[in-house]
Amino acid sequence: MKHFKTRLLSAFFVIFMLAQPVQAATQLLIPVGRVVGLELQNDTVSIAAFDDVSPAEAAGLKAGDRILSIDGKAIRCAQDVHDALRASGGTVQVQVQRGDKCATYKLTPAITAHGPKLGIFLRQGVTGIGTITYYDPQSRRFGTLGHGVNDPNGGLLAMTEGKCYRATVASVRKGRSGDPGQLVGALTSQMPIGTLSRNTARGVFGVMEAPCSGEAIPVGSADKIKTGSATILSTIVGESVQEYSVEIVKIYPATRPNGRNMLIRVTDPALLQATGGIVQGMSGSPIIQDGKLVGAVTHVLVNDPTTGYGIFLENMLDAAA
């Protein structure tokens, strides 16, 4: 969660390009609005949780600790942990990073039929759900979220590779003042439908293996966006994309950071009834005004879930280039 003068929460739910320069005023893109599962990998391994009986937890390790090395061997993936434990002679030295401090723990792995175990669940990178903003039918490139995905320490995740998956919205936890809601998503297939190539402060970008359907529309220039009525495309039930009415309340400079170029308010009675407004998982929902794709939903105000922020689509395309 980010803290500004007004509290903000990214509308991306955490569980789990090689583009050519574009002329945004003439480019035609498909506004998608479909929810997808996102998996962003990096070269760090951390502790996600513990088994009921865990030598690591008993030794003092904590969830969120990043494992730096085991017996002096650098850890960059989950397989490195397994290999280091198999090569150990019993007791191991585990070096971890917790916040900005490092510490070394001495512990004895549990011996199981599958080899020595520390009794931990590992996490490499971040997984979650988000909404596809646009798809380029010419290049098959797409953009989602409208903001970056952070690592557990709050910095932009240094993604080494990533995939996206077909997903469905299983249920919705409605947003209320002080209690932001969320879309509860689930993957419908373990087969990737696309690859991720860039994680930036203005969105996550990649290439789809199969085309996204829909009508391509012009990209709206940031200097032509105006306050007043607009619509967003979102998935809040199953895999069905629906259009909902919103109002662009205020427009900020294009140089404003963190995906906060537009202040938007949900006005659609059906969306307000179902979700309370903007909830986690709706990040990337395309914003359409006057028949043009102008931006994407990025954040919700924690104290007012009917209101949030959006990024100019031109800023997303600049980050993708």
C-alpha atoms as a PDB file:
ATOM      1  CA  MET A   1       0.000   0.000   0.000  1.00  0.00           C
ATOM      2  CA  LYS A   2       1.301   3.441  -0.935  1.00  0.00           C
ATOM      3  CA  HIS A   3       0.895   6.443   1.343  1.00  0.00           C
ATOM      4  CA  PHE A   4       0.441   9.902  -0.098  1.00  0.00           C
ATOM      5  CA  LYS A   5      -1.433  12.911   1.268  1.00  0.00           C
ATOM      6  CA  THR A   6      -4.491  10.807   0.406  1.00  0.00           C
ATOM      7  CA  ARG A   7      -4.064   7.101   1.084  1.00  0.00           C
ATOM      8  CA  LEU A   8      -3.902   5.025  -2.085  1.00  0.00           C
ATOM      9  CA  LEU A   9      -4.033   1.335  -2.753  1.00  0.00           C
ATOM     10  CA  SER A  10      -2.932  -0.265  -5.951  1.00  0.00           C
ATOM     11  CA  ALA A  11      -5.776  -2.136  -7.577  1.00  0.00           C
ATOM     12  CA  PHE A  12      -3.537  -5.110  -8.243  1.00  0.00           C
ATOM     13  CA  PHE A  13      -4.203  -8.093  -5.922  1.00  0.00           C
ATOM     14  CA  VAL A  14      -1.058  -9.864  -4.620  1.00  0.00           C
ATOM     15  CA  ILE A  15      -1.421 -13.683  -3.595  1.00  0.00           C
ATOM     16  CA  PHE A  16       0.665 -14.459  -7.292  1.00  0.00           C
ATOM     17  CA  MET A  17       9.076  -5.053 -24.845  1.00  0.00           C
ATOM     18  CA  LEU A  18      10.482  -4.867 -27.613  1.00  0.00           C
ATOM     19  CA  ALA A  19       7.917  -2.413 -29.015  1.00  0.00           C
ATOM     20  CA  GLN A  20       8.610   0.018 -31.819  1.00  0.00           C
ATOM     21  CA  PRO A  21       7.909   3.720 -31.171  1.00  0.00           C
ATOM     22  CA  VAL A  22       4.273   4.523 -31.851  1.00  0.00           C
ATOM     23  CA  GLN A  23       2.305   7.518 -32.970  1.00  0.00           C
ATOM     24  CA  ALA A  24      -0.399   7.406 -30.300  1.00  0.00           C
ATOM     25  CA  ALA A  25      -2.748   9.792 -32.155  1.00  0.00           C
ATOM     26  CA  THR A  26      -3.138   7.425 -35.113  1.00  0.00           C
ATOM     27  CA  GLN A  27      -2.601   3.997 -33.562  1.00  0.00           C
ATOM     28  CA  LEU A  28      -5.564   1.625 -33.300  1.00  0.00           C
ATOM     29  CA  LEU A  29      -5.705  -0.664 -30.284  1.00  0.00           C
ATOM     30  CA  ILE A  30      -8.289  -3.058 -28.876  1.00  0.00           C
ATOM     31  CA  PRO A  31      -9.504  -2.076 -25.378  1.00  0.00           C
ATOM     32  CA  VAL A  32      -9.721  -5.439 -23.610  1.00  0.00           C
ATOM     33  CA  GLY A  33     -10.872  -5.307 -19.968  1.00  0.00           C
ATOM     34  CA  ARG A  34     -10.318  -9.030 -19.427  1.00  0.00           C
ATOM     35  CA  VAL A  35      -8.902 -10.309 -16.150  1.00  0.00           C
ATOM     36  CA  VAL A  36      -5.723 -12.399 -16.352  1.00  0.00           C
ATOM     37  CA  GLY A  37      -3.369 -14.149 -13.986  1.00  0.00           C
ATOM     38  CA  LEU A  38       0.132 -12.656 -13.878  1.00  0.00           C
ATOM     39  CA  GLU A  39       3.344 -14.372 -12.807  1.00  0.00           C
ATOM     40  CA  LEU A  40       6.460 -12.220 -12.549  1.00  0.00           C
ATOM     41  CA  GLN A  41       9.713 -13.980 -11.738  1.00  0.00           C
ATOM     42  CA  ASN A  42      12.959 -12.483 -10.458  1.00  0.00           C
ATOM     43  CA  ASP A  43      16.240 -13.894  -9.150  1.00  0.00           C
ATOM     44  CA  THR A  44      15.351 -13.685  -5.456  1.00  0.00           C
ATOM     45  CA  VAL A  45      13.876 -16.397  -3.245  1.00  0.00           C
ATOM     46  CA  SER A  46      12.015 -15.610  -0.040  1.00  0.00           C
ATOM     47  CA  ILE A  47      10.050 -17.480   2.615  1.00  0.00           C
ATOM     48  CA  ALA A  48       6.304 -17.356   1.968  1.00  0.00           C
ATOM     49  CA  ALA A  49       5.126 -19.556   4.872  1.00  0.00           C
ATOM     50  CA  PHE A  50       6.110 -22.453   7.131  1.00  0.00           C
ATOM     51  CA  ASP A  51       5.069 -26.076   7.553  1.00  0.00           C
ATOM     52  CA  ASP A  52       3.380 -27.033  10.824  1.00  0.00           C
ATOM     53  CA  VAL A  53       6.735 -28.398  11.981  1.00  0.00           C
ATOM     54  CA  SER A  54       9.530 -26.244  10.594  1.00  0.00           C
ATOM     55  CA  PRO A  55      13.241 -26.313  11.538  1.00  0.00           C
ATOM     56  CA  ALA A  56      13.591 -22.899   9.872  1.00  0.00           C
ATOM     57  CA  GLU A  57      10.834 -21.287  11.933  1.00  0.00           C
ATOM     58  CA  ALA A  58      12.178 -22.891  15.116  1.00  0.00           C
ATOM     59  CA  ALA A  59      15.616 -21.414  14.356  1.00  0.00           C
ATOM     60  CA  GLY A  60      14.163 -17.893  14.101  1.00  0.00           C
ATOM     61  CA  LEU A  61      13.586 -17.335  10.394  1.00  0.00           C
ATOM     62  CA  LYS A  62      10.465 -15.340   9.470  1.00  0.00           C
ATOM     63  CA  ALA A  63       8.054 -15.132   6.557  1.00  0.00           C
ATOM     64  CA  GLY A  64       9.341 -12.558   4.099  1.00  0.00           C
ATOM     65  CA  ASP A  65      13.017 -13.303   4.747  1.00  0.00           C
ATOM     66  CA  ARG A  66      14.993 -13.376   1.513  1.00  0.00           C
ATOM     67  CA  ILE A  67      17.349 -16.382   1.342  1.00  0.00           C
ATOM     68  CA  LEU A  68      20.736 -15.143   0.148  1.00  0.00           C
ATOM     69  CA  SER A  69      22.851 -18.282   0.509  1.00  0.00           C
ATOM     70  CA  ILE A  70      23.017 -21.757   2.060  1.00  0.00           C
ATOM     71  CA  ASP A  71      26.470 -22.937   3.154  1.00  0.00           C
ATOM     72  CA  GLY A  72      27.940 -20.107   1.105  1.00  0.00           C
ATOM     73  CA  LYS A  73      26.155 -21.081  -2.106  1.00  0.00           C
ATOM     74  CA  ALA A  74      24.172 -18.200  -3.636  1.00  0.00           C
ATOM     75  CA  ILE A  75      20.405 -18.772  -3.928  1.00  0.00           C
ATOM     76  CA  ARG A  76      18.709 -17.396  -7.046  1.00  0.00           C
ATOM     77  CA  CYS A  77      15.847 -19.865  -7.516  1.00  0.00           C
ATOM     78  CA  ALA A  78      13.931 -22.524  -5.600  1.00  0.00           C
ATOM     79  CA  GLN A  79      15.998 -25.301  -7.189  1.00  0.00           C
ATOM     80  CA  ASP A  80      19.145 -23.753  -5.698  1.00  0.00           C
ATOM     81  CA  VAL A  81      17.650 -24.295  -2.231  1.00  0.00           C
ATOM     82  CA  HIS A  82      16.911 -27.969  -2.911  1.00  0.00           C
ATOM     83  CA  ASP A  83      20.373 -28.549  -4.398  1.00  0.00           C
ATOM     84  CA  ALA A  84      22.127 -26.879  -1.463  1.00  0.00           C
ATOM     85  CA  LEU A  85      20.216 -28.942   1.084  1.00  0.00           C
ATOM     86  CA  ARG A  86      20.974 -32.206  -0.738  1.00  0.00           C
ATOM     87  CA  ALA A  87      24.666 -31.307  -0.791  1.00  0.00           C
ATOM     88  CA  SER A  88      24.745 -30.482   2.911  1.00  0.00           C
ATOM     89  CA  GLY A  89      26.176 -32.856   5.496  1.00  0.00           C
ATOM     90  CA  GLY A  90      23.465 -32.155   8.060  1.00  0.00           C
ATOM     91  CA  THR A  91      23.594 -28.759   9.722  1.00  0.00           C
ATOM     92  CA  VAL A  92      23.411 -25.820   7.307  1.00  0.00           C
ATOM     93  CA  GLN A  93      24.230 -22.114   7.497  1.00  0.00           C
ATOM     94  CA  VAL A  94      21.372 -20.082   6.003  1.00  0.00           C
ATOM     95  CA  GLN A  95      22.047 -16.414   5.295  1.00  0.00           C
ATOM     96  CA  VAL A  96      18.942 -14.239   4.928  1.00  0.00           C
ATOM     97  CA  GLN A  97      18.080 -10.602   4.377  1.00  0.00           C
ATOM     98  CA  ARG A  98      15.344  -9.058   6.518  1.00  0.00           C
ATOM     99  CA  GLY A  99      14.656  -5.481   5.563  1.00  0.00           C
ATOM    100  CA  ASP A 100      18.049  -3.787   5.242  1.00  0.00           C
ATOM    101  CA  LYS A 101      19.819  -6.232   7.581  1.00  0.00           C
ATOM    102  CA  CYS A 102      21.446  -9.611   6.943  1.00  0.00           C
ATOM    103  CA  ALA A 103      21.813 -12.487   9.394  1.00  0.00           C
ATOM    104  CA  THR A 104      23.021 -16.099   9.346  1.00  0.00           C
ATOM    105  CA  TYR A 105      21.133 -18.944  11.034  1.00  0.00           C
ATOM    106  CA  LYS A 106      22.466 -22.394  11.844  1.00  0.00           C
ATOM    107  CA  LEU A 107      19.870 -25.164  11.660  1.00  0.00           C
ATOM    108  CA  THR A 108      19.428 -28.839  10.993  1.00  0.00           C
ATOM    109  CA  PRO A 109      17.031 -29.767   8.162  1.00  0.00           C
ATOM    110  CA  ALA A 110      14.405 -32.438   8.722  1.00  0.00           C
ATOM    111  CA  ILE A 111      15.225 -35.672   6.882  1.00  0.00           C
ATOM    112  CA  THR A 112      12.285 -36.907   4.797  1.00  0.00           C
ATOM    113  CA  ALA A 113      11.685 -39.501   2.108  1.00  0.00           C
ATOM    114  CA  HIS A 114      12.087 -36.672  -0.422  1.00  0.00           C
ATOM    115  CA  GLY A 115      15.353 -35.392   1.021  1.00  0.00           C
ATOM    116  CA  PRO A 116      16.281 -32.770   3.633  1.00  0.00           C
ATOM    117  CA  LYS A 117      13.685 -30.069   4.226  1.00  0.00           C
ATOM    118  CA  LEU A 118      13.658 -26.730   6.044  1.00  0.00           C
ATOM    119  CA  GLY A 119       9.884 -26.788   6.468  1.00  0.00           C
ATOM    120  CA  ILE A 120       9.291 -23.677   4.370  1.00  0.00           C
ATOM    121  CA  PHE A 121       7.244 -22.637   1.361  1.00  0.00           C
ATOM    122  CA  LEU A 122       9.275 -20.607  -1.100  1.00  0.00           C
ATOM    123  CA  ARG A 123       8.244 -17.623  -3.174  1.00  0.00           C
ATOM    124  CA  GLN A 124      10.093 -16.466  -6.258  1.00  0.00           C
ATOM    125  CA  GLY A 125       8.717 -13.252  -7.674  1.00  0.00           C
ATOM    126  CA  VAL A 126       5.062 -12.197  -7.447  1.00  0.00           C
ATOM    127  CA  THR A 127       1.783 -13.635  -8.716  1.00  0.00           C
ATOM    128  CA  GLY A 128      -1.668 -12.072  -8.839  1.00  0.00           C
ATOM    129  CA  ILE A 129      -4.435 -10.926 -11.150  1.00  0.00           C
ATOM    130  CA  GLY A 130      -4.896  -7.778 -13.174  1.00  0.00           C
ATOM    131  CA  THR A 131      -6.871  -6.477 -16.131  1.00  0.00           C
ATOM    132  CA  ILE A 132      -5.573  -6.196 -19.696  1.00  0.00           C
ATOM    133  CA  THR A 133      -5.756  -2.592 -20.877  1.00  0.00           C
ATOM    134  CA  TYR A 134      -5.008  -2.889 -24.570  1.00  0.00           C
ATOM    135  CA  TYR A 135      -4.013  -5.342 -27.282  1.00  0.00           C
ATOM    136  CA  ASP A 136      -2.298  -4.400 -30.542  1.00  0.00           C
ATOM    137  CA  PRO A 137      -3.680  -6.683 -33.288  1.00  0.00           C
ATOM    138  CA  GLN A 138      -0.710  -5.883 -35.537  1.00  0.00           C
ATOM    139  CA  SER A 139       2.099  -6.832 -33.135  1.00  0.00           C
ATOM    140  CA  ARG A 140       0.157  -8.974 -30.583  1.00  0.00           C
ATOM    141  CA  ARG A 141       1.662  -6.794 -27.828  1.00  0.00           C
ATOM    142  CA  PHE A 142      -0.434  -5.878 -24.802  1.00  0.00           C
ATOM    143  CA  GLY A 143      -0.296  -3.778 -21.651  1.00  0.00           C
ATOM    144  CA  THR A 144      -1.846  -4.273 -18.231  1.00  0.00           C
ATOM    145  CA  LEU A 145      -2.131  -2.744 -14.735  1.00  0.00           C
ATOM    146  CA  GLY A 146      -1.040   0.809 -15.574  1.00  0.00           C
ATOM    147  CA  HIS A 147       1.454   0.652 -12.702  1.00  0.00           C
ATOM    148  CA  GLY A 148       4.378  -1.546 -11.769  1.00  0.00           C
ATOM    149  CA  VAL A 149       4.509  -4.667  -9.615  1.00  0.00           C
ATOM    150  CA  ASN A 150       6.647  -4.229  -6.508  1.00  0.00           C
ATOM    151  CA  ASP A 151       8.841  -6.744  -4.720  1.00  0.00           C
ATOM    152  CA  PRO A 152       8.219  -7.607  -1.034  1.00  0.00           C
ATOM    153  CA  ASN A 153      10.477  -4.709   0.017  1.00  0.00           C
ATOM    154  CA  GLY A 154       8.374  -2.141  -1.841  1.00  0.00           C
ATOM    155  CA  GLY A 155      10.693  -1.493  -4.791  1.00  0.00           C
ATOM    156  CA  LEU A 156       9.863  -2.181  -8.421  1.00  0.00           C
ATOM    157  CA  LEU A 157      10.303  -5.914  -9.023  1.00  0.00           C
ATOM    158  CA  ALA A 158      13.324  -6.589 -11.245  1.00  0.00           C
ATOM    159  CA  MET A 159      11.519  -9.111 -13.445  1.00  0.00           C
ATOM    160  CA  THR A 160      13.667 -11.667 -15.242  1.00  0.00           C
ATOM    161  CA  GLU A 161      10.752 -13.383 -16.971  1.00  0.00           C
ATOM    162  CA  GLY A 162       7.002 -13.617 -16.674  1.00  0.00           C
ATOM    163  CA  LYS A 163       3.848 -15.235 -17.982  1.00  0.00           C
ATOM    164  CA  CYS A 164       0.139 -14.503 -18.078  1.00  0.00           C
ATOM    165  CA  TYR A 165      -2.675 -17.016 -17.778  1.00  0.00           C
ATOM    166  CA  ARG A 166      -6.369 -17.207 -18.494  1.00  0.00           C
ATOM    167  CA  ALA A 167      -8.280 -16.424 -15.310  1.00  0.00           C
ATOM    168  CA  THR A 168     -11.791 -15.983 -13.970  1.00  0.00           C
ATOM    169  CA  VAL A 169     -13.313 -13.871 -11.214  1.00  0.00           C
ATOM    170  CA  ALA A 170     -14.663 -16.327  -8.662  1.00  0.00           C
ATOM    171  CA  SER A 171     -16.075 -13.754  -6.233  1.00  0.00           C
ATOM    172  CA  VAL A 172     -15.907 -10.109  -5.195  1.00  0.00           C
ATOM    173  CA  ARG A 173     -15.203  -8.603  -1.799  1.00  0.00           C
ATOM    174  CA  LYS A 174     -17.016  -5.289  -1.903  1.00  0.00           C
ATOM    175  CA  GLY A 175     -15.040  -2.154  -1.090  1.00  0.00           C
ATOM    176  CA  ARG A 176     -15.994   0.116   1.794  1.00  0.00           C
ATOM    177  CA  SER A 177     -14.477   3.244   3.285  1.00  0.00           C
ATOM    178  CA  GLY A 178     -11.245   2.204   4.974  1.00  0.00           C
ATOM    179  CA  ASP A 179     -11.582  -1.366   3.702  1.00  0.00           C
ATOM    180  CA  PRO A 180     -10.713  -1.685   0.009  1.00  0.00           C
ATOM    181  CA  GLY A 181     -12.324  -4.605  -1.760  1.00  0.00           C
ATOM    182  CA  GLN A 182     -10.867  -7.083  -4.200  1.00  0.00           C
ATOM    183  CA  LEU A 183     -11.638  -9.418  -7.053  1.00  0.00           C
ATOM    184  CA  VAL A 184     -10.936 -12.990  -6.002  1.00  0.00           C
ATOM    185  CA  GLY A 185      -9.508 -14.629  -9.090  1.00  0.00           C
ATOM    186  CA  ALA A 186      -8.543 -18.137 -10.079  1.00  0.00           C
ATOM    187  CA  LEU A 187      -6.574 -19.497 -13.018  1.00  0.00           C
ATOM    188  CA  THR A 188      -8.614 -21.551 -15.460  1.00  0.00           C
ATOM    189  CA  SER A 189      -5.562 -23.124 -17.122  1.00  0.00           C
ATOM    190  CA  GLN A 190      -1.941 -23.812 -16.265  1.00  0.00           C
ATOM    191  CA  MET A 191      -0.947 -23.154 -19.877  1.00  0.00           C
ATOM    192  CA  PRO A 192       0.369 -19.608 -20.416  1.00  0.00           C
ATOM    193  CA  ILE A 193      -1.487 -17.451 -22.950  1.00  0.00           C
ATOM    194  CA  GLY A 194       1.299 -14.884 -23.171  1.00  0.00           C
ATOM    195  CA  THR A 195       4.747 -13.858 -22.021  1.00  0.00           C
ATOM    196  CA  LEU A 196       5.692 -10.768 -20.011  1.00  0.00           C
ATOM    197  CA  SER A 197       8.683  -8.755 -21.128  1.00  0.00           C
ATOM    198  CA  ARG A 198       8.696  -5.523 -19.102  1.00  0.00           C
ATOM    199  CA  ASN A 199       7.669  -4.460 -15.592  1.00  0.00           C
ATOM    200  CA  THR A 200       7.705  -0.665 -15.410  1.00  0.00           C
ATOM    201  CA  ALA A 201       6.299   2.032 -13.144  1.00  0.00           C
ATOM    202  CA  ARG A 202       3.642   2.665 -15.824  1.00  0.00           C
ATOM    203  CA  GLY A 203       2.530  -0.879 -16.488  1.00  0.00           C
ATOM    204  CA  VAL A 204       3.444  -4.464 -17.288  1.00  0.00           C
ATOM    205  CA  PHE A 205       3.857  -5.370 -20.956  1.00  0.00           C
ATOM    206  CA  GLY A 206       4.178  -8.484 -23.052  1.00  0.00           C
ATOM    207  CA  VAL A 207       3.081 -10.488 -26.085  1.00  0.00           C
ATOM    208  CA  MET A 208      -0.031 -12.640 -26.423  1.00  0.00           C
ATOM    209  CA  GLU A 209       0.206 -16.072 -28.029  1.00  0.00           C
ATOM    210  CA  ALA A 210      -3.433 -15.969 -29.159  1.00  0.00           C
ATOM    211  CA  PRO A 211      -5.226 -12.850 -30.407  1.00  0.00           C
ATOM    212  CA  CYS A 212      -7.635 -10.854 -28.235  1.00  0.00           C
ATOM    213  CA  SER A 213     -10.988 -10.238 -29.846  1.00  0.00           C
ATOM    214  CA  GLY A 214     -12.669  -6.854 -30.079  1.00  0.00           C
ATOM    215  CA  GLU A 215     -12.850  -3.710 -32.173  1.00  0.00           C
ATOM    216  CA  ALA A 216      -9.706  -1.604 -32.427  1.00  0.00           C
ATOM    217  CA  ILE A 217     -10.272   2.087 -31.674  1.00  0.00           C
ATOM    218  CA  PRO A 218      -8.030   5.174 -31.803  1.00  0.00           C
ATOM    219  CA  VAL A 219      -5.781   6.136 -28.899  1.00  0.00           C
ATOM    220  CA  GLY A 220      -6.871   9.419 -27.354  1.00  0.00           C
ATOM    221  CA  SER A 221      -4.234  12.116 -27.023  1.00  0.00           C
ATOM    222  CA  ALA A 222      -3.671  13.230 -23.430  1.00  0.00           C
ATOM    223  CA  ASP A 223      -4.204  16.882 -24.323  1.00  0.00           C
ATOM    224  CA  LYS A 224      -7.656  16.079 -25.710  1.00  0.00           C
ATOM    225  CA  ILE A 225      -8.972  14.290 -22.618  1.00  0.00           C
ATOM    226  CA  LYS A 226     -11.560  16.351 -20.754  1.00  0.00           C
ATOM    227  CA  THR A 227     -13.496  16.170 -17.518  1.00  0.00           C
ATOM    228  CA  GLY A 228     -16.904  14.574 -17.827  1.00  0.00           C
ATOM    229  CA  SER A 229     -18.419  11.228 -18.711  1.00  0.00           C
ATOM    230  CA  ALA A 230     -16.398   8.203 -19.798  1.00  0.00           C
ATOM    231  CA  THR A 231     -16.599   4.414 -19.520  1.00  0.00           C
ATOM    232  CA  ILE A 232     -14.358   1.588 -18.340  1.00  0.00           C
ATOM    233  CA  LEU A 233     -14.224  -2.070 -19.358  1.00  0.00           C
ATOM    234  CA  SER A 234     -13.848  -4.560 -16.495  1.00  0.00           C
ATOM    235  CA  THR A 235     -14.463  -8.169 -15.547  1.00  0.00           C
ATOM    236  CA  ILE A 236     -16.159  -8.610 -12.178  1.00  0.00           C
ATOM    237  CA  VAL A 237     -17.994 -11.906 -12.777  1.00  0.00           C
ATOM    238  CA  GLY A 238     -16.442 -14.975 -14.398  1.00  0.00           C
ATOM    239  CA  GLU A 239     -14.738 -14.018 -17.655  1.00  0.00           C
ATOM    240  CA  SER A 240     -17.419 -11.616 -18.889  1.00  0.00           C
ATOM    241  CA  VAL A 241     -16.224  -8.124 -19.840  1.00  0.00           C
ATOM    242  CA  GLN A 242     -18.762  -5.371 -19.213  1.00  0.00           C
ATOM    243  CA  GLU A 243     -18.781  -1.620 -19.823  1.00  0.00           C
ATOM    244  CA  TYR A 244     -19.450   0.701 -16.876  1.00  0.00           C
ATOM    245  CA  SER A 245     -19.957   4.459 -16.651  1.00  0.00           C
ATOM    246  CA  VAL A 246     -17.467   6.691 -14.829  1.00  0.00           C
ATOM    247  CA  GLU A 247     -16.755  10.396 -14.599  1.00  0.00           C
ATOM    248  CA  ILE A 248     -13.346  11.978 -15.141  1.00  0.00           C
ATOM    249  CA  VAL A 249     -13.349  14.484 -12.287  1.00  0.00           C
ATOM    250  CA  LYS A 250      -9.919  16.064 -12.667  1.00  0.00           C
ATOM    251  CA  ILE A 251      -6.985  15.928 -15.067  1.00  0.00           C
ATOM    252  CA  TYR A 252      -3.393  16.238 -13.897  1.00  0.00           C
ATOM    253  CA  PRO A 253      -0.147  16.877 -15.832  1.00  0.00           C
ATOM    254  CA  ALA A 254       1.135  14.011 -17.954  1.00  0.00           C
ATOM    255  CA  THR A 255       4.387  14.135 -15.991  1.00  0.00           C
ATOM    256  CA  ARG A 256       2.674  13.286 -12.706  1.00  0.00           C
ATOM    257  CA  PRO A 257       4.151   9.978 -11.457  1.00  0.00           C
ATOM    258  CA  ASN A 258       2.673   6.733 -10.154  1.00  0.00           C
ATOM    259  CA  GLY A 259      -0.209   6.397 -12.605  1.00  0.00           C
ATOM    260  CA  ARG A 260      -2.173   9.381 -11.265  1.00  0.00           C
ATOM    261  CA  ASN A 261      -3.005  11.417 -14.376  1.00  0.00           C
ATOM    262  CA  MET A 262      -6.784  11.402 -13.955  1.00  0.00           C
ATOM    263  CA  LEU A 263      -9.095  11.414 -10.956  1.00  0.00           C
ATOM    264  CA  ILE A 264     -12.096   9.226 -11.789  1.00  0.00           C
ATOM    265  CA  ARG A 265     -15.356   8.441 -10.009  1.00  0.00           C
ATOM    266  CA  VAL A 266     -17.542   5.402 -10.644  1.00  0.00           C
ATOM    267  CA  THR A 267     -21.121   6.436 -11.470  1.00  0.00           C
ATOM    268  CA  ASP A 268     -22.506   3.148 -12.791  1.00  0.00           C
ATOM    269  CA  PRO A 269     -25.207   1.813 -10.404  1.00  0.00           C
ATOM    270  CA  ALA A 270     -24.534  -1.837 -11.312  1.00  0.00           C
ATOM    271  CA  LEU A 271     -20.798  -1.570 -10.613  1.00  0.00           C
ATOM    272  CA  LEU A 272     -21.364   0.326  -7.362  1.00  0.00           C
ATOM    273  CA  GLN A 273     -23.830  -2.323  -6.245  1.00  0.00           C
ATOM    274  CA  ALA A 274     -21.502  -5.212  -7.112  1.00  0.00           C
ATOM    275  CA  THR A 275     -18.112  -3.883  -5.980  1.00  0.00           C
ATOM    276  CA  GLY A 276     -18.628  -0.577  -4.211  1.00  0.00           C
ATOM    277  CA  GLY A 277     -16.516   1.086  -6.910  1.00  0.00           C
ATOM    278  CA  ILE A 278     -12.885   0.329  -7.756  1.00  0.00           C
ATOM    279  CA  VAL A 279     -11.370  -2.763  -6.136  1.00  0.00           C
ATOM    280  CA  GLN A 280      -8.085  -4.641  -6.277  1.00  0.00           C
ATOM    281  CA  GLY A 281      -7.854  -6.624  -9.496  1.00  0.00           C
ATOM    282  CA  MET A 282      -9.368  -3.854 -11.631  1.00  0.00           C
ATOM    283  CA  SER A 283      -5.977  -2.234 -12.294  1.00  0.00           C
ATOM    284  CA  GLY A 284      -5.581  -1.901 -16.039  1.00  0.00           C
ATOM    285  CA  SER A 285      -9.293  -1.549 -16.819  1.00  0.00           C
ATOM    286  CA  PRO A 286      -9.316   0.556 -20.012  1.00  0.00           C
ATOM    287  CA  ILE A 287     -10.858   4.042 -19.873  1.00  0.00           C
ATOM    288  CA  ILE A 288     -12.743   5.130 -23.006  1.00  0.00           C
ATOM    289  CA  GLN A 289     -13.943   8.647 -23.803  1.00  0.00           C
ATOM    290  CA  ASP A 290     -15.570   9.850 -27.021  1.00  0.00           C
ATOM    291  CA  GLY A 291     -14.798   6.571 -28.754  1.00  0.00           C
ATOM    292  CA  LYS A 292     -11.092   6.714 -27.964  1.00  0.00           C
ATOM    293  CA  LEU A 293      -8.920   4.687 -25.616  1.00  0.00           C
ATOM    294  CA  VAL A 294      -7.516   7.307 -23.235  1.00  0.00           C
ATOM    295  CA  GLY A 295      -6.152   5.470 -20.200  1.00  0.00           C
ATOM    296  CA  ALA A 296      -6.384   2.764 -17.556  1.00  0.00           C
ATOM    297  CA  VAL A 297      -7.574   2.512 -13.957  1.00  0.00           C
ATOM    298  CA  THR A 298      -4.623   2.295 -11.543  1.00  0.00           C
ATOM    299  CA  HIS A 299      -5.541   3.056  -7.917  1.00  0.00           C
ATOM    300  CA  VAL A 300      -8.475   3.397  -5.538  1.00  0.00           C
ATOM    301  CA  LEU A 301      -8.812   5.872  -2.690  1.00  0.00           C
ATOM    302  CA  VAL A 302      -8.893   3.772   0.467  1.00  0.00           C
ATOM    303  CA  ASN A 303     -11.312   6.123   2.221  1.00  0.00           C
ATOM    304  CA  ASP A 304     -13.619   6.359  -0.824  1.00  0.00           C
ATOM    305  CA  PRO A 305     -13.796   3.231  -3.025  1.00  0.00           C
ATOM    306  CA  THR A 306     -16.022   5.017  -5.553  1.00  0.00           C
ATOM    307  CA  THR A 307     -13.065   7.171  -6.546  1.00  0.00           C
ATOM    308  CA  GLY A 308      -9.571   6.449  -7.826  1.00  0.00           C
ATOM    309  CA  TYR A 309      -6.896   7.338 -10.336  1.00  0.00           C
ATOM    310  CA  GLY A 310      -6.097   6.513 -13.924  1.00  0.00           C
ATOM    311  CA  ILE A 311      -3.010   6.807 -16.113  1.00  0.00           C
ATOM    312  CA  PHE A 312      -2.953   8.343 -19.602  1.00  0.00           C
ATOM    313  CA  LEU A 313      -2.650   5.603 -22.211  1.00  0.00           C
ATOM    314  CA  GLU A 314       0.056   7.648 -23.932  1.00  0.00           C
ATOM    315  CA  ASN A 315       2.176   7.245 -20.779  1.00  0.00           C
ATOM    316  CA  MET A 316       1.689   3.477 -20.865  1.00  0.00           C
ATOM    317  CA  LEU A 317       2.693   3.334 -24.529  1.00  0.00           C
ATOM    318  CA  ASP A 318       5.781   5.437 -23.845  1.00  0.00           C
ATOM    319  CA  ALA A 319       6.812   2.953 -21.125  1.00  0.00           C
ATOM    320  CA  ALA A 320       6.194   0.014 -23.460  1.00  0.00           C
ATOM    321  CA  ALA A 321       8.309   1.434 -26.292  1.00  0.00           C
END
